[in-house]
Amino acid sequence: ATLMAKDYLTLKFGPLEFDAALKPQGA
């Protein structure tokens, strides 16, 4: 779901400096 969010936000705002794997899920 976080990867899906990254795709959505990239479409909306352009390339992001965001790694969906950095923050553990549930943190």
mmCIF file of all heavy atoms, coordinates in Angstrom:
data_MODEL
# 
_entry.id   MODEL 
# 
loop_
_atom_site.group_PDB 
_atom_site.id 
_atom_site.type_symbol 
_atom_site.label_atom_id 
_atom_site.label_alt_id 
_atom_site.label_comp_id 
_atom_site.label_asym_id 
_atom_site.label_entity_id 
_atom_site.label_seq_id 
_atom_site.pdbx_PDB_ins_code 
_atom_site.Cartn_x 
_atom_site.Cartn_y 
_atom_site.Cartn_z 
_atom_site.occupancy 
_atom_site.B_iso_or_equiv 
_atom_site.pdbx_formal_charge 
_atom_site.auth_seq_id 
_atom_site.auth_comp_id 
_atom_site.auth_asym_id 
_atom_site.auth_atom_id 
_atom_site.pdbx_PDB_model_num 
ATOM 1   N N   . ALA A 1 1  ? 0.839  -1.210 0.000   1.00 0.00 ? 1  ALA A N   1 
ATOM 2   C CA  . ALA A 1 1  ? 0.000  0.000  0.000   1.00 0.00 ? 1  ALA A CA  1 
ATOM 3   C C   . ALA A 1 1  ? 0.870  1.255  0.000   1.00 0.00 ? 1  ALA A C   1 
ATOM 4   O O   . ALA A 1 1  ? 0.534  2.252  -0.657  1.00 0.00 ? 1  ALA A O   1 
ATOM 5   C CB  . ALA A 1 1  ? -0.939 -0.014 1.197   1.00 0.00 ? 1  ALA A CB  1 
ATOM 6   N N   . THR A 1 2  ? 1.987  1.209  0.703   1.00 0.00 ? 2  THR A N   1 
ATOM 7   C CA  . THR A 1 2  ? 2.896  2.358  0.723   1.00 0.00 ? 2  THR A CA  1 
ATOM 8   C C   . THR A 1 2  ? 3.518  2.564  -0.656  1.00 0.00 ? 2  THR A C   1 
ATOM 9   O O   . THR A 1 2  ? 3.694  3.702  -1.104  1.00 0.00 ? 2  THR A O   1 
ATOM 10  C CB  . THR A 1 2  ? 3.970  2.184  1.810   1.00 0.00 ? 2  THR A CB  1 
ATOM 11  O OG1 . THR A 1 2  ? 3.320  1.943  3.071   1.00 0.00 ? 2  THR A OG1 1 
ATOM 12  C CG2 . THR A 1 2  ? 4.840  3.422  1.934   1.00 0.00 ? 2  THR A CG2 1 
ATOM 13  N N   . LEU A 1 3  ? 3.826  1.474  -1.356  1.00 0.00 ? 3  LEU A N   1 
ATOM 14  C CA  . LEU A 1 3  ? 4.315  1.606  -2.736  1.00 0.00 ? 3  LEU A CA  1 
ATOM 15  C C   . LEU A 1 3  ? 3.233  2.197  -3.645  1.00 0.00 ? 3  LEU A C   1 
ATOM 16  O O   . LEU A 1 3  ? 3.522  3.013  -4.530  1.00 0.00 ? 3  LEU A O   1 
ATOM 17  C CB  . LEU A 1 3  ? 4.770  0.251  -3.293  1.00 0.00 ? 3  LEU A CB  1 
ATOM 18  C CG  . LEU A 1 3  ? 6.046  -0.334 -2.712  1.00 0.00 ? 3  LEU A CG  1 
ATOM 19  C CD1 . LEU A 1 3  ? 6.340  -1.691 -3.351  1.00 0.00 ? 3  LEU A CD1 1 
ATOM 20  C CD2 . LEU A 1 3  ? 7.227  0.614  -2.895  1.00 0.00 ? 3  LEU A CD2 1 
ATOM 21  N N   . MET A 1 4  ? 1.979  1.796  -3.419  1.00 0.00 ? 4  MET A N   1 
ATOM 22  C CA  . MET A 1 4  ? 0.874  2.375  -4.188  1.00 0.00 ? 4  MET A CA  1 
ATOM 23  C C   . MET A 1 4  ? 0.764  3.880  -3.910  1.00 0.00 ? 4  MET A C   1 
ATOM 24  O O   . MET A 1 4  ? 0.552  4.679  -4.829  1.00 0.00 ? 4  MET A O   1 
ATOM 25  C CB  . MET A 1 4  ? -0.442 1.663  -3.840  1.00 0.00 ? 4  MET A CB  1 
ATOM 26  C CG  . MET A 1 4  ? -0.507 0.226  -4.312  1.00 0.00 ? 4  MET A CG  1 
ATOM 27  S SD  . MET A 1 4  ? -1.896 -0.703 -3.592  1.00 0.00 ? 4  MET A SD  1 
ATOM 28  C CE  . MET A 1 4  ? -3.294 0.092  -4.387  1.00 0.00 ? 4  MET A CE  1 
ATOM 29  N N   . ALA A 1 5  ? 0.939  4.259  -2.649  1.00 0.00 ? 5  ALA A N   1 
ATOM 30  C CA  . ALA A 1 5  ? 0.906  5.677  -2.280  1.00 0.00 ? 5  ALA A CA  1 
ATOM 31  C C   . ALA A 1 5  ? 2.050  6.428  -2.946  1.00 0.00 ? 5  ALA A C   1 
ATOM 32  O O   . ALA A 1 5  ? 1.869  7.544  -3.443  1.00 0.00 ? 5  ALA A O   1 
ATOM 33  C CB  . ALA A 1 5  ? 0.980  5.826  -0.761  1.00 0.00 ? 5  ALA A CB  1 
ATOM 34  N N   . LYS A 1 6  ? 3.211  5.809  -2.985  1.00 0.00 ? 6  LYS A N   1 
ATOM 35  C CA  . LYS A 1 6  ? 4.369  6.433  -3.634  1.00 0.00 ? 6  LYS A CA  1 
ATOM 36  C C   . LYS A 1 6  ? 4.077  6.664  -5.118  1.00 0.00 ? 6  LYS A C   1 
ATOM 37  O O   . LYS A 1 6  ? 4.382  7.728  -5.657  1.00 0.00 ? 6  LYS A O   1 
ATOM 38  C CB  . LYS A 1 6  ? 5.603  5.543  -3.450  1.00 0.00 ? 6  LYS A CB  1 
ATOM 39  C CG  . LYS A 1 6  ? 6.876  6.115  -4.041  1.00 0.00 ? 6  LYS A CG  1 
ATOM 40  C CD  . LYS A 1 6  ? 8.063  5.205  -3.765  1.00 0.00 ? 6  LYS A CD  1 
ATOM 41  C CE  . LYS A 1 6  ? 9.337  5.753  -4.369  1.00 0.00 ? 6  LYS A CE  1 
ATOM 42  N NZ  . LYS A 1 6  ? 10.496 4.885  -4.061  1.00 0.00 ? 6  LYS A NZ  1 
ATOM 43  N N   . ASP A 1 7  ? 3.463  5.685  -5.769  1.00 0.00 ? 7  ASP A N   1 
ATOM 44  C CA  . ASP A 1 7  ? 3.081  5.852  -7.178  1.00 0.00 ? 7  ASP A CA  1 
ATOM 45  C C   . ASP A 1 7  ? 2.098  7.009  -7.347  1.00 0.00 ? 7  ASP A C   1 
ATOM 46  O O   . ASP A 1 7  ? 2.265  7.857  -8.226  1.00 0.00 ? 7  ASP A O   1 
ATOM 47  C CB  . ASP A 1 7  ? 2.453  4.572  -7.729  1.00 0.00 ? 7  ASP A CB  1 
ATOM 48  C CG  . ASP A 1 7  ? 3.478  3.536  -8.145  1.00 0.00 ? 7  ASP A CG  1 
ATOM 49  O OD1 . ASP A 1 7  ? 4.682  3.858  -8.187  1.00 0.00 ? 7  ASP A OD1 1 
ATOM 50  O OD2 . ASP A 1 7  ? 3.059  2.401  -8.426  1.00 0.00 ? 7  ASP A OD2 1 
ATOM 51  N N   . TYR A 1 8  ? 1.075  7.031  -6.522  1.00 0.00 ? 8  TYR A N   1 
ATOM 52  C CA  . TYR A 1 8  ? 0.061  8.085  -6.596  1.00 0.00 ? 8  TYR A CA  1 
ATOM 53  C C   . TYR A 1 8  ? 0.711  9.461  -6.417  1.00 0.00 ? 8  TYR A C   1 
ATOM 54  O O   . TYR A 1 8  ? 0.464  10.396 -7.185  1.00 0.00 ? 8  TYR A O   1 
ATOM 55  C CB  . TYR A 1 8  ? -1.027 7.855  -5.536  1.00 0.00 ? 8  TYR A CB  1 
ATOM 56  C CG  . TYR A 1 8  ? -1.906 9.050  -5.329  1.00 0.00 ? 8  TYR A CG  1 
ATOM 57  C CD1 . TYR A 1 8  ? -2.993 9.289  -6.172  1.00 0.00 ? 8  TYR A CD1 1 
ATOM 58  C CD2 . TYR A 1 8  ? -1.641 9.955  -4.316  1.00 0.00 ? 8  TYR A CD2 1 
ATOM 59  C CE1 . TYR A 1 8  ? -3.794 10.413 -5.997  1.00 0.00 ? 8  TYR A CE1 1 
ATOM 60  C CE2 . TYR A 1 8  ? -2.438 11.078 -4.132  1.00 0.00 ? 8  TYR A CE2 1 
ATOM 61  C CZ  . TYR A 1 8  ? -3.506 11.296 -4.973  1.00 0.00 ? 8  TYR A CZ  1 
ATOM 62  O OH  . TYR A 1 8  ? -4.291 12.413 -4.805  1.00 0.00 ? 8  TYR A OH  1 
ATOM 63  N N   . LEU A 1 9  ? 1.541  9.593  -5.388  1.00 0.00 ? 9  LEU A N   1 
ATOM 64  C CA  . LEU A 1 9  ? 2.170  10.880 -5.086  1.00 0.00 ? 9  LEU A CA  1 
ATOM 65  C C   . LEU A 1 9  ? 3.166  11.285 -6.179  1.00 0.00 ? 9  LEU A C   1 
ATOM 66  O O   . LEU A 1 9  ? 3.297  12.469 -6.488  1.00 0.00 ? 9  LEU A O   1 
ATOM 67  C CB  . LEU A 1 9  ? 2.842  10.832 -3.715  1.00 0.00 ? 9  LEU A CB  1 
ATOM 68  C CG  . LEU A 1 9  ? 1.868  10.684 -2.533  1.00 0.00 ? 9  LEU A CG  1 
ATOM 69  C CD1 . LEU A 1 9  ? 2.627  10.398 -1.240  1.00 0.00 ? 9  LEU A CD1 1 
ATOM 70  C CD2 . LEU A 1 9  ? 0.979  11.914 -2.403  1.00 0.00 ? 9  LEU A CD2 1 
ATOM 71  N N   . THR A 1 10 ? 3.836  10.315 -6.773  1.00 0.00 ? 10 THR A N   1 
ATOM 72  C CA  . THR A 1 10 ? 4.756  10.613 -7.871  1.00 0.00 ? 10 THR A CA  1 
ATOM 73  C C   . THR A 1 10 ? 3.986  11.137 -9.078  1.00 0.00 ? 10 THR A C   1 
ATOM 74  O O   . THR A 1 10 ? 4.429  12.088 -9.741  1.00 0.00 ? 10 THR A O   1 
ATOM 75  C CB  . THR A 1 10 ? 5.579  9.359  -8.245  1.00 0.00 ? 10 THR A CB  1 
ATOM 76  O OG1 . THR A 1 10 ? 6.369  8.978  -7.107  1.00 0.00 ? 10 THR A OG1 1 
ATOM 77  C CG2 . THR A 1 10 ? 6.502  9.622  -9.420  1.00 0.00 ? 10 THR A CG2 1 
ATOM 78  N N   . LEU A 1 11 ? 2.840  10.531 -9.368  1.00 0.00 ? 11 LEU A N   1 
ATOM 79  C CA  . LEU A 1 11 ? 2.005  11.035 -10.462 1.00 0.00 ? 11 LEU A CA  1 
ATOM 80  C C   . LEU A 1 11 ? 1.552  12.468 -10.185 1.00 0.00 ? 11 LEU A C   1 
ATOM 81  O O   . LEU A 1 11 ? 1.501  13.297 -11.092 1.00 0.00 ? 11 LEU A O   1 
ATOM 82  C CB  . LEU A 1 11 ? 0.762  10.153 -10.641 1.00 0.00 ? 11 LEU A CB  1 
ATOM 83  C CG  . LEU A 1 11 ? 0.919  8.903  -11.484 1.00 0.00 ? 11 LEU A CG  1 
ATOM 84  C CD1 . LEU A 1 11 ? -0.344 8.047  -11.411 1.00 0.00 ? 11 LEU A CD1 1 
ATOM 85  C CD2 . LEU A 1 11 ? 1.228  9.261  -12.928 1.00 0.00 ? 11 LEU A CD2 1 
ATOM 86  N N   . LYS A 1 12 ? 1.238  12.757 -8.947  1.00 0.00 ? 12 LYS A N   1 
ATOM 87  C CA  . LYS A 1 12 ? 0.679  14.053 -8.572  1.00 0.00 ? 12 LYS A CA  1 
ATOM 88  C C   . LYS A 1 12 ? 1.751  15.142 -8.429  1.00 0.00 ? 12 LYS A C   1 
ATOM 89  O O   . LYS A 1 12 ? 1.518  16.287 -8.803  1.00 0.00 ? 12 LYS A O   1 
ATOM 90  C CB  . LYS A 1 12 ? -0.103 13.908 -7.267  1.00 0.00 ? 12 LYS A CB  1 
ATOM 91  C CG  . LYS A 1 12 ? -0.989 15.077 -6.949  1.00 0.00 ? 12 LYS A CG  1 
ATOM 92  C CD  . LYS A 1 12 ? -2.030 14.659 -5.924  1.00 0.00 ? 12 LYS A CD  1 
ATOM 93  C CE  . LYS A 1 12 ? -2.998 15.760 -5.642  1.00 0.00 ? 12 LYS A CE  1 
ATOM 94  N NZ  . LYS A 1 12 ? -4.037 15.932 -6.635  1.00 0.00 ? 12 LYS A NZ  1 
ATOM 95  N N   . PHE A 1 13 ? 2.917  14.782 -7.890  1.00 0.00 ? 13 PHE A N   1 
ATOM 96  C CA  . PHE A 1 13 ? 3.924  15.782 -7.540  1.00 0.00 ? 13 PHE A CA  1 
ATOM 97  C C   . PHE A 1 13 ? 5.268  15.615 -8.245  1.00 0.00 ? 13 PHE A C   1 
ATOM 98  O O   . PHE A 1 13 ? 6.166  16.423 -8.039  1.00 0.00 ? 13 PHE A O   1 
ATOM 99  C CB  . PHE A 1 13 ? 4.165  15.779 -6.022  1.00 0.00 ? 13 PHE A CB  1 
ATOM 100 C CG  . PHE A 1 13 ? 2.962  16.154 -5.223  1.00 0.00 ? 13 PHE A CG  1 
ATOM 101 C CD1 . PHE A 1 13 ? 2.190  15.184 -4.599  1.00 0.00 ? 13 PHE A CD1 1 
ATOM 102 C CD2 . PHE A 1 13 ? 2.571  17.477 -5.101  1.00 0.00 ? 13 PHE A CD2 1 
ATOM 103 C CE1 . PHE A 1 13 ? 1.065  15.526 -3.864  1.00 0.00 ? 13 PHE A CE1 1 
ATOM 104 C CE2 . PHE A 1 13 ? 1.450  17.831 -4.367  1.00 0.00 ? 13 PHE A CE2 1 
ATOM 105 C CZ  . PHE A 1 13 ? 0.685  16.851 -3.748  1.00 0.00 ? 13 PHE A CZ  1 
ATOM 106 N N   . GLY A 1 14 ? 5.428  14.567 -9.022  1.00 0.00 ? 14 GLY A N   1 
ATOM 107 C CA  . GLY A 1 14 ? 6.719  14.314 -9.656  1.00 0.00 ? 14 GLY A CA  1 
ATOM 108 C C   . GLY A 1 14 ? 7.588  13.435 -8.778  1.00 0.00 ? 14 GLY A C   1 
ATOM 109 O O   . GLY A 1 14 ? 7.158  12.960 -7.722  1.00 0.00 ? 14 GLY A O   1 
ATOM 110 N N   . PRO A 1 15 ? 8.827  13.205 -9.210  1.00 0.00 ? 15 PRO A N   1 
ATOM 111 C CA  . PRO A 1 15 ? 9.725  12.304 -8.468  1.00 0.00 ? 15 PRO A CA  1 
ATOM 112 C C   . PRO A 1 15 ? 9.867  12.711 -7.004  1.00 0.00 ? 15 PRO A C   1 
ATOM 113 O O   . PRO A 1 15 ? 9.935  13.891 -6.677  1.00 0.00 ? 15 PRO A O   1 
ATOM 114 C CB  . PRO A 1 15 ? 11.061 12.447 -9.203  1.00 0.00 ? 15 PRO A CB  1 
ATOM 115 C CG  . PRO A 1 15 ? 10.692 12.950 -10.562 1.00 0.00 ? 15 PRO A CG  1 
ATOM 116 C CD  . PRO A 1 15 ? 9.464  13.793 -10.389 1.00 0.00 ? 15 PRO A CD  1 
ATOM 117 N N   . LEU A 1 16 ? 9.878  11.709 -6.144  1.00 0.00 ? 16 LEU A N   1 
ATOM 118 C CA  . LEU A 1 16 ? 9.980  11.925 -4.701  1.00 0.00 ? 16 LEU A CA  1 
ATOM 119 C C   . LEU A 1 16 ? 11.255 11.308 -4.162  1.00 0.00 ? 16 LEU A C   1 
ATOM 120 O O   . LEU A 1 16 ? 11.708 10.273 -4.651  1.00 0.00 ? 16 LEU A O   1 
ATOM 121 C CB  . LEU A 1 16 ? 8.802  11.260 -3.976  1.00 0.00 ? 16 LEU A CB  1 
ATOM 122 C CG  . LEU A 1 16 ? 7.394  11.595 -4.427  1.00 0.00 ? 16 LEU A CG  1 
ATOM 123 C CD1 . LEU A 1 16 ? 6.396  10.689 -3.735  1.00 0.00 ? 16 LEU A CD1 1 
ATOM 124 C CD2 . LEU A 1 16 ? 7.082  13.049 -4.144  1.00 0.00 ? 16 LEU A CD2 1 
ATOM 125 N N   . GLU A 1 17 ? 11.790 11.929 -3.137  1.00 0.00 ? 17 GLU A N   1 
ATOM 126 C CA  . GLU A 1 17 ? 12.867 11.291 -2.394  1.00 0.00 ? 17 GLU A CA  1 
ATOM 127 C C   . GLU A 1 17 ? 12.217 10.598 -1.211  1.00 0.00 ? 17 GLU A C   1 
ATOM 128 O O   . GLU A 1 17 ? 12.094 11.153 -0.124  1.00 0.00 ? 17 GLU A O   1 
ATOM 129 C CB  . GLU A 1 17 ? 13.899 12.323 -1.954  1.00 0.00 ? 17 GLU A CB  1 
ATOM 130 C CG  . GLU A 1 17 ? 14.698 12.872 -3.117  1.00 0.00 ? 17 GLU A CG  1 
ATOM 131 C CD  . GLU A 1 17 ? 15.940 13.611 -2.673  1.00 0.00 ? 17 GLU A CD  1 
ATOM 132 O OE1 . GLU A 1 17 ? 16.489 13.279 -1.597  1.00 0.00 ? 17 GLU A OE1 1 
ATOM 133 O OE2 . GLU A 1 17 ? 16.352 14.504 -3.410  1.00 0.00 ? 17 GLU A OE2 1 
ATOM 134 N N   . PHE A 1 18 ? 11.757 9.379  -1.477  1.00 0.00 ? 18 PHE A N   1 
ATOM 135 C CA  . PHE A 1 18 ? 11.004 8.629  -0.480  1.00 0.00 ? 18 PHE A CA  1 
ATOM 136 C C   . PHE A 1 18 ? 11.260 7.152  -0.694  1.00 0.00 ? 18 PHE A C   1 
ATOM 137 O O   . PHE A 1 18 ? 11.146 6.649  -1.804  1.00 0.00 ? 18 PHE A O   1 
ATOM 138 C CB  . PHE A 1 18 ? 9.500  8.935  -0.617  1.00 0.00 ? 18 PHE A CB  1 
ATOM 139 C CG  . PHE A 1 18 ? 8.625  8.085  0.258   1.00 0.00 ? 18 PHE A CG  1 
ATOM 140 C CD1 . PHE A 1 18 ? 8.662  8.207  1.633   1.00 0.00 ? 18 PHE A CD1 1 
ATOM 141 C CD2 . PHE A 1 18 ? 7.773  7.156  -0.297  1.00 0.00 ? 18 PHE A CD2 1 
ATOM 142 C CE1 . PHE A 1 18 ? 7.869  7.413  2.437   1.00 0.00 ? 18 PHE A CE1 1 
ATOM 143 C CE2 . PHE A 1 18 ? 6.963  6.357  0.493   1.00 0.00 ? 18 PHE A CE2 1 
ATOM 144 C CZ  . PHE A 1 18 ? 7.014  6.494  1.872   1.00 0.00 ? 18 PHE A CZ  1 
ATOM 145 N N   . ASP A 1 19 ? 11.623 6.472  0.375   1.00 0.00 ? 19 ASP A N   1 
ATOM 146 C CA  . ASP A 1 19 ? 11.847 5.028  0.335   1.00 0.00 ? 19 ASP A CA  1 
ATOM 147 C C   . ASP A 1 19 ? 10.805 4.364  1.229   1.00 0.00 ? 19 ASP A C   1 
ATOM 148 O O   . ASP A 1 19 ? 10.841 4.512  2.453   1.00 0.00 ? 19 ASP A O   1 
ATOM 149 C CB  . ASP A 1 19 ? 13.260 4.714  0.819   1.00 0.00 ? 19 ASP A CB  1 
ATOM 150 C CG  . ASP A 1 19 ? 13.643 3.261  0.629   1.00 0.00 ? 19 ASP A CG  1 
ATOM 151 O OD1 . ASP A 1 19 ? 12.744 2.390  0.650   1.00 0.00 ? 19 ASP A OD1 1 
ATOM 152 O OD2 . ASP A 1 19 ? 14.833 2.986  0.473   1.00 0.00 ? 19 ASP A OD2 1 
ATOM 153 N N   . ALA A 1 20 ? 9.876  3.654  0.615   1.00 0.00 ? 20 ALA A N   1 
ATOM 154 C CA  . ALA A 1 20 ? 8.781  3.010  1.350   1.00 0.00 ? 20 ALA A CA  1 
ATOM 155 C C   . ALA A 1 20 ? 9.280  1.923  2.299   1.00 0.00 ? 20 ALA A C   1 
ATOM 156 O O   . ALA A 1 20 ? 8.551  1.517  3.203   1.00 0.00 ? 20 ALA A O   1 
ATOM 157 C CB  . ALA A 1 20 ? 7.772  2.422  0.363   1.00 0.00 ? 20 ALA A CB  1 
ATOM 158 N N   . ALA A 1 21 ? 10.493 1.463  2.108   1.00 0.00 ? 21 ALA A N   1 
ATOM 159 C CA  . ALA A 1 21 ? 11.024 0.377  2.937   1.00 0.00 ? 21 ALA A CA  1 
ATOM 160 C C   . ALA A 1 21 ? 11.778 0.880  4.173   1.00 0.00 ? 21 ALA A C   1 
ATOM 161 O O   . ALA A 1 21 ? 12.124 0.077  5.031   1.00 0.00 ? 21 ALA A O   1 
ATOM 162 C CB  . ALA A 1 21 ? 11.944 -0.506 2.097   1.00 0.00 ? 21 ALA A CB  1 
ATOM 163 N N   . LEU A 1 22 ? 12.019 2.180  4.277   1.00 0.00 ? 22 LEU A N   1 
ATOM 164 C CA  . LEU A 1 22 ? 12.814 2.679  5.399   1.00 0.00 ? 22 LEU A CA  1 
ATOM 165 C C   . LEU A 1 22 ? 12.085 2.616  6.736   1.00 0.00 ? 22 LEU A C   1 
ATOM 166 O O   . LEU A 1 22 ? 12.669 2.224  7.740   1.00 0.00 ? 22 LEU A O   1 
ATOM 167 C CB  . LEU A 1 22 ? 13.266 4.121  5.138   1.00 0.00 ? 22 LEU A CB  1 
ATOM 168 C CG  . LEU A 1 22 ? 14.448 4.272  4.200   1.00 0.00 ? 22 LEU A CG  1 
ATOM 169 C CD1 . LEU A 1 22 ? 14.797 5.747  4.010   1.00 0.00 ? 22 LEU A CD1 1 
ATOM 170 C CD2 . LEU A 1 22 ? 15.663 3.504  4.703   1.00 0.00 ? 22 LEU A CD2 1 
ATOM 171 N N   . LYS A 1 23 ? 10.828 3.009  6.760   1.00 0.00 ? 23 LYS A N   1 
ATOM 172 C CA  . LYS A 1 23 ? 10.072 3.003  8.017   1.00 0.00 ? 23 LYS A CA  1 
ATOM 173 C C   . LYS A 1 23 ? 9.384  1.656  8.167   1.00 0.00 ? 23 LYS A C   1 
ATOM 174 O O   . LYS A 1 23 ? 8.599  1.258  7.315   1.00 0.00 ? 23 LYS A O   1 
ATOM 175 C CB  . LYS A 1 23 ? 9.035  4.124  8.006   1.00 0.00 ? 23 LYS A CB  1 
ATOM 176 C CG  . LYS A 1 23 ? 8.249  4.217  9.310   1.00 0.00 ? 23 LYS A CG  1 
ATOM 177 C CD  . LYS A 1 23 ? 7.266  5.382  9.258   1.00 0.00 ? 23 LYS A CD  1 
ATOM 178 C CE  . LYS A 1 23 ? 6.526  5.464  10.553  1.00 0.00 ? 23 LYS A CE  1 
ATOM 179 N NZ  . LYS A 1 23 ? 5.125  5.147  10.438  1.00 0.00 ? 23 LYS A NZ  1 
ATOM 180 N N   . PRO A 1 24 ? 9.665  0.945  9.246   1.00 0.00 ? 24 PRO A N   1 
ATOM 181 C CA  . PRO A 1 24 ? 9.004  -0.348 9.449   1.00 0.00 ? 24 PRO A CA  1 
ATOM 182 C C   . PRO A 1 24 ? 7.487  -0.180 9.511   1.00 0.00 ? 24 PRO A C   1 
ATOM 183 O O   . PRO A 1 24 ? 6.989  0.785  10.096  1.00 0.00 ? 24 PRO A O   1 
ATOM 184 C CB  . PRO A 1 24 ? 9.549  -0.843 10.787  1.00 0.00 ? 24 PRO A CB  1 
ATOM 185 C CG  . PRO A 1 24 ? 10.799 -0.057 11.018  1.00 0.00 ? 24 PRO A CG  1 
ATOM 186 C CD  . PRO A 1 24 ? 10.603 1.259  10.317  1.00 0.00 ? 24 PRO A CD  1 
ATOM 187 N N   . GLN A 1 25 ? 6.776  -1.114 8.913   1.00 0.00 ? 25 GLN A N   1 
ATOM 188 C CA  . GLN A 1 25 ? 5.314  -1.075 8.955   1.00 0.00 ? 25 GLN A CA  1 
ATOM 189 C C   . GLN A 1 25 ? 4.865  -1.220 10.405  1.00 0.00 ? 25 GLN A C   1 
ATOM 190 O O   . GLN A 1 25 ? 5.378  -2.033 11.152  1.00 0.00 ? 25 GLN A O   1 
ATOM 191 C CB  . GLN A 1 25 ? 4.724  -2.191 8.089   1.00 0.00 ? 25 GLN A CB  1 
ATOM 192 C CG  . GLN A 1 25 ? 5.113  -2.102 6.629   1.00 0.00 ? 25 GLN A CG  1 
ATOM 193 C CD  . GLN A 1 25 ? 4.733  -0.776 5.998   1.00 0.00 ? 25 GLN A CD  1 
ATOM 194 O OE1 . GLN A 1 25 ? 3.655  -0.271 6.207   1.00 0.00 ? 25 GLN A OE1 1 
ATOM 195 N NE2 . GLN A 1 25 ? 5.649  -0.217 5.224   1.00 0.00 ? 25 GLN A NE2 1 
ATOM 196 N N   . GLY A 1 26 ? 3.918  -0.400 10.797  1.00 0.00 ? 26 GLY A N   1 
ATOM 197 C CA  . GLY A 1 26 ? 3.410  -0.447 12.162  1.00 0.00 ? 26 GLY A CA  1 
ATOM 198 C C   . GLY A 1 26 ? 4.192  0.418  13.137  1.00 0.00 ? 26 GLY A C   1 
ATOM 199 O O   . GLY A 1 26 ? 3.812  0.531  14.301  1.00 0.00 ? 26 GLY A O   1 
ATOM 200 N N   . ALA A 1 27 ? 5.291  1.029  12.669  1.00 0.00 ? 27 ALA A N   1 
ATOM 201 C CA  . ALA A 1 27 ? 6.060  1.909  13.557  1.00 0.00 ? 27 ALA A CA  1 
ATOM 202 C C   . ALA A 1 27 ? 5.247  3.172  13.838  1.00 0.00 ? 27 ALA A C   1 
ATOM 203 O O   . ALA A 1 27 ? 4.441  3.595  13.017  1.00 0.00 ? 27 ALA A O   1 
ATOM 204 C CB  . ALA A 1 27 ? 7.398  2.270  12.912  1.00 0.00 ? 27 ALA A CB  1 
# 
